Amino acid sequence: MKIRKHILLSLALLSTLNMVSCDIDKDPLNGPTVGAFPVNAVEAEYGLLGAYKSLTLLDASSTPFAHVIDNVTDIGYARPGNNYTPAITSSYTTDNALAIKPWNYHYKTIGRVHTVLDNLENLKSSTPIEKYNQLDAELRFIRAYAYSQLIELYGDVPLLTKTLDLNEAETISRTPKEQIQQWIMEEMTEIADALPVSQAASGNVRASRVAAYMLKARIALYAKK
């Protein structure tokens, strides 16, 4: 009986050790994985479209954020206006949704851009150069647009140009608004020629060369340059 108990105990221990030693954190076999994403131009475009989609998610009670901003100025008026009172009376608190949501959503968009952009260089040899340059340019346009919105709302904000690990995230600080304005203008100068003049095939909802120059002009105007 004792021998049988020892055998059963040994088998249980061996089974436990085998389970501990198994690497169960496997990459999926039927879809993209974060560590290697994107592995081809098709996946890169999926990631790009995900970043575009992220731009549409910022709202307040299903009201698009651009309309929300209008409703706290003389451009628009909402009834009832209770939700807009803090903005109209300059009495925002740090836990107000209109103070928190734009920060969270724009950095979520920037994070989606970096998910693709961080590994895009790996596709350069296997992707037609025009396609590669356009993917790179559209991603950088979305990121620059998100920063243009952040600095309008918050002034100085952290300027991130890649995904951060936890240690880096602990040390990040805000970048002066003027420096981000200059960075956006330089980004638009660099990417404009890689974008088509228009994107009619996609309903003109994706970034174009005209959009890049318009964003650059808008930032220059606000920066008094």
Protein backbone atom coordinates (compact mmCIF):
# COMPACT_ATOMS: atom_id res chain seq x y z
CA MET A 1 0.00 0.00 0.00
CA LYS A 2 2.85 2.37 0.92
CA ILE A 3 4.61 1.56 -2.36
CA ARG A 4 1.43 2.35 -4.28
CA LYS A 5 1.09 5.70 -2.49
CA HIS A 6 4.70 6.55 -3.30
CA ILE A 7 4.14 5.68 -6.97
CA LEU A 8 0.99 7.80 -7.16
CA LEU A 9 2.74 10.71 -5.40
CA SER A 10 5.69 10.46 -7.79
CA LEU A 11 3.41 10.43 -10.82
CA ALA A 12 1.48 13.45 -9.54
CA LEU A 13 4.71 15.35 -8.89
CA LEU A 14 6.08 14.44 -12.31
CA SER A 15 2.83 15.57 -13.96
CA THR A 16 3.00 18.90 -12.10
CA LEU A 17 6.60 19.47 -13.14
CA ASN A 18 5.73 18.73 -16.75
CA MET A 19 2.88 21.23 -16.65
CA VAL A 20 5.09 23.92 -15.13
CA SER A 21 7.83 23.35 -17.69
CA CYS A 22 5.45 23.54 -20.67
CA ASP A 23 5.46 26.81 -22.55
CA ILE A 24 1.74 27.39 -22.91
CA ASP A 25 2.10 31.00 -24.09
CA LYS A 26 1.95 30.10 -27.78
CA ASP A 27 1.34 32.36 -30.75
CA PRO A 28 -2.07 31.81 -32.40
CA LEU A 29 -1.99 29.66 -35.53
CA ASN A 30 -4.99 31.26 -37.23
CA GLY A 31 -4.41 35.00 -36.80
CA PRO A 32 -1.99 37.84 -36.03
CA THR A 33 0.11 37.95 -32.89
CA VAL A 34 1.16 41.13 -31.09
CA GLY A 35 4.85 40.27 -30.92
CA ALA A 36 5.30 39.87 -34.67
CA PHE A 37 2.43 42.02 -35.99
CA PRO A 38 2.30 42.85 -38.85
CA VAL A 39 3.93 40.00 -40.78
CA ASN A 40 2.81 41.24 -44.20
CA ALA A 41 1.28 44.25 -45.95
CA VAL A 42 -2.26 42.88 -45.57
CA GLU A 43 -1.92 42.74 -41.79
CA ALA A 44 -0.33 46.21 -41.83
CA GLU A 45 -3.37 47.57 -43.65
CA TYR A 46 -5.69 45.91 -41.13
CA GLY A 47 -3.75 47.68 -38.38
CA LEU A 48 -3.94 50.96 -40.27
CA LEU A 49 -7.72 50.65 -40.63
CA GLY A 50 -7.93 49.87 -36.91
CA ALA A 51 -6.13 53.15 -36.20
CA TYR A 52 -8.54 55.03 -38.47
CA LYS A 53 -11.47 53.39 -36.68
CA SER A 54 -10.05 54.54 -33.34
CA LEU A 55 -10.42 58.15 -34.49
CA THR A 56 -14.21 57.68 -34.67
CA LEU A 57 -14.68 56.27 -31.17
CA LEU A 58 -14.43 59.51 -29.19
CA ASP A 59 -17.91 60.71 -28.35
CA ALA A 60 -20.13 61.84 -25.48
CA SER A 61 -23.45 60.04 -25.10
CA SER A 62 -23.21 59.00 -28.78
CA THR A 63 -22.56 62.58 -29.88
CA PRO A 64 -19.41 62.84 -32.05
CA PHE A 65 -16.73 64.79 -30.23
CA ALA A 66 -16.52 67.51 -32.90
CA HIS A 67 -20.19 68.27 -32.19
CA VAL A 68 -19.54 68.24 -28.46
CA ILE A 69 -16.84 70.88 -28.90
CA ASP A 70 -19.24 72.97 -31.00
CA ASN A 71 -21.87 72.74 -28.28
CA VAL A 72 -19.64 74.47 -25.71
CA THR A 73 -19.12 77.46 -28.03
CA ASP A 74 -21.49 79.88 -29.80
CA ILE A 75 -21.37 77.58 -32.87
CA GLY A 76 -23.90 75.18 -31.37
CA TYR A 77 -26.32 74.80 -28.50
CA ALA A 78 -27.56 71.64 -26.82
CA ARG A 79 -30.76 71.22 -24.81
CA PRO A 80 -30.59 70.22 -22.05
CA GLY A 81 -27.17 71.77 -21.57
CA ASN A 82 -26.26 70.31 -18.17
CA ASN A 83 -23.54 68.10 -19.63
CA TYR A 84 -21.83 71.13 -21.12
CA THR A 85 -22.08 73.48 -18.15
CA PRO A 86 -18.56 72.74 -16.80
CA ALA A 87 -17.03 73.56 -20.17
CA ILE A 88 -19.11 76.68 -20.71
CA THR A 89 -18.36 77.99 -17.22
CA SER A 90 -14.69 76.87 -17.17
CA SER A 91 -15.33 74.69 -14.12
CA TYR A 92 -13.97 71.36 -15.25
CA THR A 93 -12.76 68.91 -12.62
CA THR A 94 -10.13 66.24 -13.20
CA ASP A 95 -12.73 63.47 -13.10
CA ASN A 96 -14.99 65.05 -15.74
CA ALA A 97 -15.50 62.74 -18.75
CA LEU A 98 -14.82 65.55 -21.21
CA ALA A 99 -11.47 66.11 -19.53
CA ILE A 100 -10.51 62.43 -19.41
CA LYS A 101 -11.91 60.80 -22.56
CA PRO A 102 -10.01 62.77 -25.25
CA TRP A 103 -6.69 62.02 -23.51
CA ASN A 104 -7.48 58.29 -23.25
CA TYR A 105 -8.86 57.89 -26.76
CA HIS A 106 -6.18 59.86 -28.59
CA TYR A 107 -3.40 57.93 -26.83
CA LYS A 108 -5.26 54.70 -27.62
CA THR A 109 -5.17 55.74 -31.29
CA ILE A 110 -1.45 56.52 -31.03
CA GLY A 111 -0.92 53.11 -29.44
CA ARG A 112 -2.69 51.42 -32.37
CA VAL A 113 -0.45 53.31 -34.78
CA HIS A 114 2.66 52.15 -32.96
CA THR A 115 1.48 48.53 -32.94
CA VAL A 116 1.94 48.61 -36.72
CA LEU A 117 4.65 51.23 -37.09
CA ASP A 118 7.09 49.62 -34.65
CA ASN A 119 7.44 46.53 -36.89
CA LEU A 120 6.70 48.06 -40.29
CA GLU A 121 10.42 48.21 -41.19
CA ASN A 122 10.43 44.39 -41.26
CA LEU A 123 8.13 44.47 -44.31
CA LYS A 124 10.24 46.82 -46.40
CA SER A 125 11.95 44.10 -48.44
CA SER A 126 8.71 42.18 -49.13
CA THR A 127 6.38 45.12 -49.90
CA PRO A 128 6.31 47.29 -53.06
CA ILE A 129 8.05 50.52 -52.13
CA GLU A 130 5.06 52.77 -53.02
CA LYS A 131 2.75 50.63 -50.89
CA TYR A 132 5.23 50.59 -48.01
CA ASN A 133 5.75 54.36 -48.11
CA GLN A 134 2.00 55.02 -48.21
CA LEU A 135 1.33 52.75 -45.22
CA ASP A 136 4.09 54.52 -43.30
CA ALA A 137 2.77 57.95 -44.29
CA GLU A 138 -0.86 57.23 -43.38
CA LEU A 139 0.10 55.85 -39.99
CA ARG A 140 2.24 58.89 -39.26
CA PHE A 141 -0.56 61.21 -40.41
CA ILE A 142 -3.03 59.61 -37.98
CA ARG A 143 -0.50 59.92 -35.15
CA ALA A 144 0.20 63.57 -35.98
CA TYR A 145 -3.52 64.33 -36.17
CA ALA A 146 -4.07 62.76 -32.74
CA TYR A 147 -1.28 64.93 -31.32
CA SER A 148 -2.76 68.03 -32.96
CA GLN A 149 -5.98 67.35 -31.04
CA LEU A 150 -4.15 66.64 -27.78
CA ILE A 151 -2.14 69.87 -27.79
CA GLU A 152 -5.24 71.93 -28.61
CA LEU A 153 -7.00 70.50 -25.57
CA TYR A 154 -4.18 69.98 -23.07
CA GLY A 155 -1.18 72.06 -24.16
CA ASP A 156 2.02 70.19 -23.24
CA VAL A 157 1.59 66.40 -23.54
CA PRO A 158 3.97 63.41 -23.69
CA LEU A 159 5.26 62.97 -27.26
CA LEU A 160 5.60 59.22 -27.88
CA THR A 161 7.04 57.96 -31.17
CA LYS A 162 7.12 54.24 -30.31
CA THR A 163 5.57 51.75 -27.93
CA LEU A 164 6.95 52.10 -24.41
CA ASP A 165 7.74 49.29 -22.00
CA LEU A 166 6.64 49.63 -18.38
CA ASN A 167 9.95 51.05 -17.19
CA GLU A 168 9.98 53.71 -19.91
CA ALA A 169 6.36 54.59 -19.18
CA GLU A 170 7.30 55.39 -15.58
CA THR A 171 9.78 58.06 -16.67
CA ILE A 172 7.92 59.80 -19.49
CA SER A 173 7.24 63.52 -19.11
CA ARG A 174 5.31 66.16 -21.05
CA THR A 175 6.81 67.71 -24.17
CA PRO A 176 6.29 71.46 -24.71
CA LYS A 177 3.40 72.24 -27.06
CA GLU A 178 5.64 74.35 -29.31
CA GLN A 179 8.01 71.42 -29.81
CA ILE A 180 5.13 69.13 -30.78
CA GLN A 181 3.82 71.71 -33.23
CA GLN A 182 7.22 71.83 -34.91
CA TRP A 183 7.38 68.02 -34.95
CA ILE A 184 3.96 67.77 -36.63
CA MET A 185 4.94 70.24 -39.34
CA GLU A 186 8.17 68.35 -40.02
CA GLU A 187 6.29 65.02 -40.12
CA MET A 188 3.82 66.38 -42.68
CA THR A 189 6.67 67.72 -44.82
CA GLU A 190 8.31 64.28 -44.79
CA ILE A 191 5.24 62.19 -45.59
CA ALA A 192 3.20 64.38 -47.96
CA ASP A 193 4.75 63.15 -51.21
CA ALA A 194 4.23 59.50 -50.19
CA LEU A 195 0.46 60.05 -50.09
CA PRO A 196 -1.82 60.17 -53.14
CA VAL A 197 -3.34 63.56 -53.92
CA SER A 198 -6.75 62.06 -53.12
CA GLN A 199 -8.11 58.69 -52.01
CA ALA A 200 -11.33 58.49 -54.00
CA ALA A 201 -11.27 54.67 -54.03
CA SER A 202 -11.82 54.69 -50.27
CA GLY A 203 -14.43 57.46 -50.37
CA ASN A 204 -11.83 60.13 -49.56
CA VAL A 205 -11.91 59.17 -45.89
CA ARG A 206 -8.22 58.22 -45.71
CA ALA A 207 -5.30 60.62 -45.46
CA SER A 208 -4.17 62.28 -48.70
CA ARG A 209 -1.38 64.65 -49.71
CA VAL A 210 -3.87 67.52 -49.52
CA ALA A 211 -4.83 66.51 -45.95
CA ALA A 212 -1.16 66.44 -44.92
CA TYR A 213 -0.57 69.98 -46.21
CA MET A 214 -3.82 71.15 -44.61
CA LEU A 215 -2.80 69.76 -41.22
CA LYS A 216 0.62 71.38 -41.58
CA ALA A 217 -1.01 74.72 -42.46
CA ARG A 218 -3.41 74.49 -39.54
CA ILE A 219 -0.62 73.82 -37.06
CA ALA A 220 1.50 76.61 -38.55
CA LEU A 221 -1.45 79.01 -38.24
CA TYR A 222 -2.02 78.12 -34.58
CA ALA A 223 1.73 78.40 -33.92
CA LYS A 224 1.72 81.85 -35.58
CA LYS A 225 4.28 80.73 -38.16
